[in-house]
PDB file of N, CA and C in Angstrom:
ATOM      1  N   MET A   1      12.898   1.686  -7.526  1.00  0.00           N
ATOM      2  CA  MET A   1      13.839   0.624  -7.231  1.00  0.00           C
ATOM      3  C   MET A   1      13.066  -0.695  -7.152  1.00  0.00           C
ATOM      4  N   ALA A   2      13.632  -1.741  -7.729  1.00  0.00           N
ATOM      5  CA  ALA A   2      12.995  -3.061  -7.722  1.00  0.00           C
ATOM      6  C   ALA A   2      13.073  -3.674  -6.331  1.00  0.00           C
ATOM      7  N   LYS A   3      12.087  -4.498  -6.000  1.00  0.00           N
ATOM      8  CA  LYS A   3      12.074  -5.213  -4.715  1.00  0.00           C
ATOM      9  C   LYS A   3      12.572  -6.624  -4.977  1.00  0.00           C
ATOM     10  N   LEU A   4      13.893  -6.836  -4.872  1.00  0.00           N
ATOM     11  CA  LEU A   4      14.493  -8.132  -5.130  1.00  0.00           C
ATOM     12  C   LEU A   4      14.502  -8.965  -3.859  1.00  0.00           C
ATOM     13  N   LYS A   5      14.433 -10.283  -4.016  1.00  0.00           N
ATOM     14  CA  LYS A   5      14.448 -11.175  -2.864  1.00  0.00           C
ATOM     15  C   LYS A   5      15.841 -11.333  -2.279  1.00  0.00           C
ATOM     16  N   LEU A   6      16.879 -11.079  -3.062  1.00  0.00           N
ATOM     17  CA  LEU A   6      18.248 -11.190  -2.569  1.00  0.00           C
ATOM     18  C   LEU A   6      18.789  -9.821  -2.235  1.00  0.00           C
ATOM     19  N   GLY A   7      19.628  -9.780  -1.212  1.00  0.00           N
ATOM     20  CA  GLY A   7      20.339  -8.565  -0.866  1.00  0.00           C
ATOM     21  C   GLY A   7      21.745  -8.648  -1.433  1.00  0.00           C
ATOM     22  N   PRO A   8      22.612  -7.735  -1.045  1.00  0.00           N
ATOM     23  CA  PRO A   8      23.993  -7.772  -1.533  1.00  0.00           C
ATOM     24  C   PRO A   8      24.656  -9.106  -1.212  1.00  0.00           C
ATOM     25  N   ILE A   9      25.469  -9.594  -2.119  1.00  0.00           N
ATOM     26  CA  ILE A   9      26.156 -10.871  -1.962  1.00  0.00           C
ATOM     27  C   ILE A   9      27.443 -10.628  -1.170  1.00  0.00           C
ATOM     28  N   ALA A  10      27.608 -11.396  -0.085  1.00  0.00           N
ATOM     29  CA  ALA A  10      28.817 -11.272   0.731  1.00  0.00           C
ATOM     30  C   ALA A  10      30.034 -11.698  -0.078  1.00  0.00           C
ATOM     31  N   ASP A  11      31.143 -11.057   0.195  1.00  0.00           N
ATOM     32  CA  ASP A  11      32.378 -11.368  -0.512  1.00  0.00           C
ATOM     33  C   ASP A  11      33.098 -12.492   0.226  1.00  0.00           C
ATOM     34  N   ASP A  12      32.652 -13.746   0.002  1.00  0.00           N
ATOM     35  CA  ASP A  12      33.256 -14.914   0.649  1.00  0.00           C
ATOM     36  C   ASP A  12      34.271 -15.547  -0.288  1.00  0.00           C
ATOM     37  N   LYS A  13      34.949 -16.505   0.276  1.00  0.00           N
ATOM     38  CA  LYS A  13      35.855 -17.311  -0.541  1.00  0.00           C
ATOM     39  C   LYS A  13      34.991 -18.121  -1.512  1.00  0.00           C
ATOM     40  N   PRO A  14      35.220 -17.995  -2.821  1.00  0.00           N
ATOM     41  CA  PRO A  14      34.382 -18.712  -3.784  1.00  0.00           C
ATOM     42  C   PRO A  14      34.662 -20.217  -3.802  1.00  0.00           C
ATOM     43  N   VAL A  15      33.655 -20.952  -4.194  1.00  0.00           N
ATOM     44  CA  VAL A  15      33.757 -22.403  -4.356  1.00  0.00           C
ATOM     45  C   VAL A  15      33.464 -22.703  -5.813  1.00  0.00           C
ATOM     46  N   LYS A  16      34.283 -23.480  -6.434  1.00  0.00           N
ATOM     47  CA  LYS A  16      34.100 -23.790  -7.850  1.00  0.00           C
ATOM     48  C   LYS A  16      33.031 -24.875  -8.011  1.00  0.00           C
ATOM     49  N   VAL A  17      32.086 -24.608  -8.896  1.00  0.00           N
ATOM     50  CA  VAL A  17      30.999 -25.532  -9.190  1.00  0.00           C
ATOM     51  C   VAL A  17      30.885 -25.656 -10.703  1.00  0.00           C
ATOM     52  N   THR A  18      30.711 -26.858 -11.170  1.00  0.00           N
ATOM     53  CA  THR A  18      30.491 -27.077 -12.597  1.00  0.00           C
ATOM     54  C   THR A  18      29.025 -27.410 -12.793  1.00  0.00           C
ATOM     55  N   LEU A  19      28.371 -26.639 -13.649  1.00  0.00           N
ATOM     56  CA  LEU A  19      26.936 -26.774 -13.834  1.00  0.00           C
ATOM     57  C   LEU A  19      26.567 -26.292 -15.225  1.00  0.00           C
ATOM     58  N   GLU A  20      25.700 -27.023 -15.878  1.00  0.00           N
ATOM     59  CA  GLU A  20      25.192 -26.568 -17.180  1.00  0.00           C
ATOM     60  C   GLU A  20      23.854 -25.885 -16.974  1.00  0.00           C
ATOM     61  N   LEU A  21      23.734 -24.683 -17.515  1.00  0.00           N
ATOM     62  CA  LEU A  21      22.492 -23.921 -17.433  1.00  0.00           C
ATOM     63  C   LEU A  21      21.980 -23.642 -18.832  1.00  0.00           C
ATOM     64  N   PRO A  22      20.674 -23.591 -18.998  1.00  0.00           N
ATOM     65  CA  PRO A  22      20.151 -23.129 -20.283  1.00  0.00           C
ATOM     66  C   PRO A  22      20.612 -21.688 -20.520  1.00  0.00           C
ATOM     67  N   ALA A  23      20.872 -21.348 -21.753  1.00  0.00           N
ATOM     68  CA  ALA A  23      21.366 -20.008 -22.089  1.00  0.00           C
ATOM     69  C   ALA A  23      20.416 -18.926 -21.579  1.00  0.00           C
ATOM     70  N   SER A  24      19.124 -19.159 -21.672  1.00  0.00           N
ATOM     71  CA  SER A  24      18.159 -18.149 -21.227  1.00  0.00           C
ATOM     72  C   SER A  24      18.261 -17.914 -19.715  1.00  0.00           C
ATOM     73  N   LEU A  25      18.496 -18.970 -18.940  1.00  0.00           N
ATOM     74  CA  LEU A  25      18.646 -18.818 -17.497  1.00  0.00           C
ATOM     75  C   LEU A  25      19.935 -18.062 -17.180  1.00  0.00           C
ATOM     76  N   HIS A  26      21.001 -18.350 -17.898  1.00  0.00           N
ATOM     77  CA  HIS A  26      22.259 -17.635 -17.676  1.00  0.00           C
ATOM     78  C   HIS A  26      22.096 -16.152 -17.996  1.00  0.00           C
ATOM     79  N   ARG A  27      21.381 -15.835 -19.061  1.00  0.00           N
ATOM     80  CA  ARG A  27      21.124 -14.423 -19.388  1.00  0.00           C
ATOM     81  C   ARG A  27      20.325 -13.758 -18.269  1.00  0.00           C
ATOM     82  N   ASP A  28      19.308 -14.462 -17.758  1.00  0.00           N
ATOM     83  CA  ASP A  28      18.498 -13.908 -16.672  1.00  0.00           C
ATOM     84  C   ASP A  28      19.327 -13.718 -15.404  1.00  0.00           C
ATOM     85  N   LEU A  29      20.226 -14.646 -15.099  1.00  0.00           N
ATOM     86  CA  LEU A  29      21.116 -14.480 -13.947  1.00  0.00           C
ATOM     87  C   LEU A  29      21.994 -13.242 -14.126  1.00  0.00           C
ATOM     88  N   GLY A  30      22.486 -13.048 -15.340  1.00  0.00           N
ATOM     89  CA  GLY A  30      23.304 -11.864 -15.622  1.00  0.00           C
ATOM     90  C   GLY A  30      22.519 -10.584 -15.423  1.00  0.00           C
ATOM     91  N   THR A  31      21.295 -10.566 -15.894  1.00  0.00           N
ATOM     92  CA  THR A  31      20.440  -9.393 -15.723  1.00  0.00           C
ATOM     93  C   THR A  31      20.157  -9.148 -14.245  1.00  0.00           C
ATOM     94  N   TYR A  32      19.850 -10.223 -13.518  1.00  0.00           N
ATOM     95  CA  TYR A  32      19.587 -10.100 -12.082  1.00  0.00           C
ATOM     96  C   TYR A  32      20.822  -9.551 -11.373  1.00  0.00           C
ATOM     97  N   ALA A  33      22.001 -10.075 -11.715  1.00  0.00           N
ATOM     98  CA  ALA A  33      23.253  -9.619 -11.104  1.00  0.00           C
ATOM     99  C   ALA A  33      23.479  -8.135 -11.382  1.00  0.00           C
ATOM    100  N   ASP A  34      23.184  -7.695 -12.604  1.00  0.00           N
ATOM    101  CA  ASP A  34      23.341  -6.283 -12.950  1.00  0.00           C
ATOM    102  C   ASP A  34      22.416  -5.399 -12.112  1.00  0.00           C
ATOM    103  N   ILE A  35      21.155  -5.798 -11.981  1.00  0.00           N
ATOM    104  CA  ILE A  35      20.183  -5.019 -11.201  1.00  0.00           C
ATOM    105  C   ILE A  35      20.591  -4.995  -9.736  1.00  0.00           C
ATOM    106  N   LEU A  36      20.973  -6.142  -9.204  1.00  0.00           N
ATOM    107  CA  LEU A  36      21.382  -6.240  -7.801  1.00  0.00           C
ATOM    108  C   LEU A  36      22.600  -5.354  -7.528  1.00  0.00           C
ATOM    109  N   ALA A  37      23.570  -5.386  -8.415  1.00  0.00           N
ATOM    110  CA  ALA A  37      24.775  -4.572  -8.246  1.00  0.00           C
ATOM    111  C   ALA A  37      24.436  -3.089  -8.295  1.00  0.00           C
ATOM    112  N   ARG A  38      23.580  -2.703  -9.232  1.00  0.00           N
ATOM    113  CA  ARG A  38      23.195  -1.294  -9.353  1.00  0.00           C
ATOM    114  C   ARG A  38      22.505  -0.815  -8.077  1.00  0.00           C
ATOM    115  N   GLU A  39      21.594  -1.657  -7.522  1.00  0.00           N
ATOM    116  CA  GLU A  39      20.882  -1.262  -6.312  1.00  0.00           C
ATOM    117  C   GLU A  39      21.796  -1.215  -5.092  1.00  0.00           C
ATOM    118  N   ALA A  40      22.846  -2.028  -5.081  1.00  0.00           N
ATOM    119  CA  ALA A  40      23.783  -2.050  -3.959  1.00  0.00           C
ATOM    120  C   ALA A  40      24.927  -1.059  -4.162  1.00  0.00           C
ATOM    121  N   GLY A  41      24.949  -0.372  -5.310  1.00  0.00           N
ATOM    122  CA  GLY A  41      26.016   0.576  -5.591  1.00  0.00           C
ATOM    123  C   GLY A  41      27.357  -0.100  -5.833  1.00  0.00           C
ATOM    124  N   GLN A  42      27.315  -1.304  -6.384  1.00  0.00           N
ATOM    125  CA  GLN A  42      28.522  -2.079  -6.648  1.00  0.00           C
ATOM    126  C   GLN A  42      28.670  -2.290  -8.144  1.00  0.00           C
ATOM    127  N   SER A  43      29.852  -2.770  -8.541  1.00  0.00           N
ATOM    128  CA  SER A  43      30.025  -3.136  -9.943  1.00  0.00           C
ATOM    129  C   SER A  43      29.425  -4.527 -10.139  1.00  0.00           C
ATOM    130  N   PRO A  44      28.929  -4.822 -11.344  1.00  0.00           N
ATOM    131  CA  PRO A  44      28.319  -6.131 -11.585  1.00  0.00           C
ATOM    132  C   PRO A  44      29.296  -7.260 -11.281  1.00  0.00           C
ATOM    133  N   GLY A  45      28.793  -8.274 -10.593  1.00  0.00           N
ATOM    134  CA  GLY A  45      29.615  -9.422 -10.251  1.00  0.00           C
ATOM    135  C   GLY A  45      29.328 -10.596 -11.166  1.00  0.00           C
ATOM    136  N   ASN A  46      29.932 -11.704 -10.848  1.00  0.00           N
ATOM    137  CA  ASN A  46      29.735 -12.928 -11.609  1.00  0.00           C
ATOM    138  C   ASN A  46      28.333 -13.460 -11.315  1.00  0.00           C
ATOM    139  N   PRO A  47      27.483 -13.585 -12.328  1.00  0.00           N
ATOM    140  CA  PRO A  47      26.115 -14.042 -12.084  1.00  0.00           C
ATOM    141  C   PRO A  47      26.045 -15.442 -11.489  1.00  0.00           C
ATOM    142  N   VAL A  48      27.071 -16.261 -11.687  1.00  0.00           N
ATOM    143  CA  VAL A  48      27.081 -17.618 -11.135  1.00  0.00           C
ATOM    144  C   VAL A  48      27.061 -17.564  -9.610  1.00  0.00           C
ATOM    145  N   ARG A  49      27.593 -16.484  -9.029  1.00  0.00           N
ATOM    146  CA  ARG A  49      27.607 -16.352  -7.565  1.00  0.00           C
ATOM    147  C   ARG A  49      26.213 -16.167  -6.988  1.00  0.00           C
ATOM    148  N   LEU A  50      25.222 -15.916  -7.818  1.00  0.00           N
ATOM    149  CA  LEU A  50      23.844 -15.769  -7.338  1.00  0.00           C
ATOM    150  C   LEU A  50      23.185 -17.124  -7.065  1.00  0.00           C
ATOM    151  N   ILE A  51      23.705 -18.178  -7.662  1.00  0.00           N
ATOM    152  CA  ILE A  51      23.035 -19.478  -7.588  1.00  0.00           C
ATOM    153  C   ILE A  51      22.873 -19.953  -6.151  1.00  0.00           C
ATOM    154  N   VAL A  52      23.939 -19.924  -5.359  1.00  0.00           N
ATOM    155  CA  VAL A  52      23.865 -20.423  -3.979  1.00  0.00           C
ATOM    156  C   VAL A  52      22.894 -19.599  -3.138  1.00  0.00           C
ATOM    157  N   PRO A  53      23.009 -18.254  -3.102  1.00  0.00           N
ATOM    158  CA  PRO A  53      22.051 -17.513  -2.280  1.00  0.00           C
ATOM    159  C   PRO A  53      20.611 -17.676  -2.762  1.00  0.00           C
ATOM    160  N   MET A  54      20.417 -17.819  -4.062  1.00  0.00           N
ATOM    161  CA  MET A  54      19.056 -18.035  -4.569  1.00  0.00           C
ATOM    162  C   MET A  54      18.507 -19.376  -4.091  1.00  0.00           C
ATOM    163  N   LEU A  55      19.328 -20.411  -4.153  1.00  0.00           N
ATOM    164  CA  LEU A  55      18.888 -21.717  -3.671  1.00  0.00           C
ATOM    165  C   LEU A  55      18.639 -21.693  -2.168  1.00  0.00           C
ATOM    166  N   GLU A  56      19.527 -21.033  -1.419  1.00  0.00           N
ATOM    167  CA  GLU A  56      19.329 -20.924   0.031  1.00  0.00           C
ATOM    168  C   GLU A  56      18.028 -20.193   0.345  1.00  0.00           C
ATOM    169  N   ARG A  57      17.785 -19.114  -0.358  1.00  0.00           N
ATOM    170  CA  ARG A  57      16.555 -18.334  -0.141  1.00  0.00           C
ATOM    171  C   ARG A  57      15.331 -19.161  -0.512  1.00  0.00           C
ATOM    172  N   PHE A  58      15.406 -19.864  -1.622  1.00  0.00           N
ATOM    173  CA  PHE A  58      14.292 -20.704  -2.059  1.00  0.00           C
ATOM    174  C   PHE A  58      13.964 -21.746  -0.999  1.00  0.00           C
ATOM    175  N   MET A  59      14.983 -22.456  -0.520  1.00  0.00           N
ATOM    176  CA  MET A  59      14.740 -23.504   0.471  1.00  0.00           C
ATOM    177  C   MET A  59      14.280 -22.926   1.806  1.00  0.00           C
ATOM    178  N   ALA A  60      14.794 -21.761   2.179  1.00  0.00           N
ATOM    179  CA  ALA A  60      14.405 -21.136   3.440  1.00  0.00           C
ATOM    180  C   ALA A  60      12.953 -20.676   3.430  1.00  0.00           C
ATOM    181  N   THR A  61      12.406 -20.400   2.256  1.00  0.00           N
ATOM    182  CA  THR A  61      11.036 -19.894   2.170  1.00  0.00           C
ATOM    183  C   THR A  61      10.050 -20.924   1.626  1.00  0.00           C
ATOM    184  N   ASP A  62      10.495 -22.140   1.386  1.00  0.00           N
ATOM    185  CA  ASP A  62       9.621 -23.203   0.869  1.00  0.00           C
ATOM    186  C   ASP A  62       8.959 -23.904   2.056  1.00  0.00           C
ATOM    187  N   ARG A  63       7.687 -23.618   2.285  1.00  0.00           N
ATOM    188  CA  ARG A  63       6.979 -24.172   3.437  1.00  0.00           C
ATOM    189  C   ARG A  63       6.886 -25.696   3.380  1.00  0.00           C
ATOM    190  N   GLY A  64       6.687 -26.249   2.197  1.00  0.00           N
ATOM    191  CA  GLY A  64       6.614 -27.695   2.050  1.00  0.00           C
ATOM    192  C   GLY A  64       7.929 -28.359   2.442  1.00  0.00           C
ATOM    193  N   PHE A  65       9.040 -27.748   2.031  1.00  0.00           N
ATOM    194  CA  PHE A  65      10.353 -28.273   2.391  1.00  0.00           C
ATOM    195  C   PHE A  65      10.567 -28.188   3.896  1.00  0.00           C
ATOM    196  N   ALA A  66      10.203 -27.047   4.498  1.00  0.00           N
ATOM    197  CA  ALA A  66      10.383 -26.872   5.946  1.00  0.00           C
ATOM    198  C   ALA A  66       9.576 -27.906   6.720  1.00  0.00           C
ATOM    199  N   LYS A  67       8.356 -28.138   6.290  1.00  0.00           N
ATOM    200  CA  LYS A  67       7.497 -29.116   6.973  1.00  0.00           C
ATOM    201  C   LYS A  67       8.080 -30.518   6.842  1.00  0.00           C
ATOM    202  N   ALA A  68       8.497 -30.886   5.641  1.00  0.00           N
ATOM    203  CA  ALA A  68       9.080 -32.215   5.424  1.00  0.00           C
ATOM    204  C   ALA A  68      10.378 -32.364   6.198  1.00  0.00           C
ATOM    205  N   ARG A  69      11.161 -31.315   6.256  1.00  0.00           N
ATOM    206  CA  ARG A  69      12.438 -31.361   6.967  1.00  0.00           C
ATOM    207  C   ARG A  69      12.232 -31.572   8.466  1.00  0.00           C
ATOM    208  N   ARG A  70      11.206 -30.898   9.026  1.00  0.00           N
ATOM    209  CA  ARG A  70      10.912 -31.055  10.459  1.00  0.00           C
ATOM    210  C   ARG A  70      10.463 -32.473  10.785  1.00  0.00           C
ATOM    211  N   SER A  71       9.817 -33.139   9.840  1.00  0.00           N
ATOM    212  CA  SER A  71       9.299 -34.482  10.106  1.00  0.00           C
ATOM    213  C   SER A  71      10.364 -35.564   9.933  1.00  0.00           C
ATOM    214  N   MET A  72      11.539 -35.201   9.427  1.00  0.00           N
ATOM    215  CA  MET A  72      12.616 -36.176   9.241  1.00  0.00           C
ATOM    216  C   MET A  72      13.354 -36.394  10.551  1.00  0.00           C
ATOM    217  N   PRO A  73      13.850 -37.617  10.770  1.00  0.00           N
ATOM    218  CA  PRO A  73      14.662 -37.833  11.968  1.00  0.00           C
ATOM    219  C   PRO A  73      15.976 -37.072  11.859  1.00  0.00           C
ATOM    220  N   PRO A  74      16.557 -36.683  12.985  1.00  0.00           N
ATOM    221  CA  PRO A  74      17.832 -35.943  12.929  1.00  0.00           C
ATOM    222  C   PRO A  74      18.916 -36.812  12.313  1.00  0.00           C
ATOM    223  N   PRO A  75      19.897 -36.180  11.637  1.00  0.00           N
ATOM    224  CA  PRO A  75      20.979 -36.965  11.028  1.00  0.00           C
ATOM    225  C   PRO A  75      21.818 -37.648  12.098  1.00  0.00           C
ATOM    226  N   ALA A  76      22.353 -38.813  11.759  1.00  0.00           N
ATOM    227  CA  ALA A  76      23.197 -39.550  12.685  1.00  0.00           C
ATOM    228  C   ALA A  76      24.485 -38.781  12.919  1.00  0.00           C
ATOM    229  N   GLN A  77      24.950 -38.770  14.139  1.00  0.00           N
ATOM    230  CA  GLN A  77      26.206 -38.090  14.482  1.00  0.00           C
ATOM    231  C   GLN A  77      27.384 -38.959  14.075  1.00  0.00           C
ATOM    232  N   GLY A  78      28.476 -38.312  13.636  1.00  0.00           N
ATOM    233  CA  GLY A  78      29.692 -39.034  13.260  1.00  0.00           C
ATOM    234  C   GLY A  78      30.314 -39.722  14.452  1.00  0.00           C
ATOM    235  N   ARG A  79      31.087 -40.759  14.234  1.00  0.00           N
ATOM    236  CA  ARG A  79      31.698 -41.518  15.339  1.00  0.00           C
ATOM    237  C   ARG A  79      33.059 -41.030  15.643  1.00  0.00           C
TER     238      ARG A  79
END
């Protein structure tokens, strides 16, 4: 079994996003979705749904981003 960085994708309410991807990246997302579904015992889902969890995982594990984020002042509160 492959050791993937993403786990099963939660079945949330989807959000529509318009984005252009290179064909090779879309094929790779499809392949990743197929492998992930097989390992989770699910039917293959829409590979576009992988984009958000992949970005979240990337940002959560990017040490440079975490360090820069900690050094930023907190966002201003709404009035």
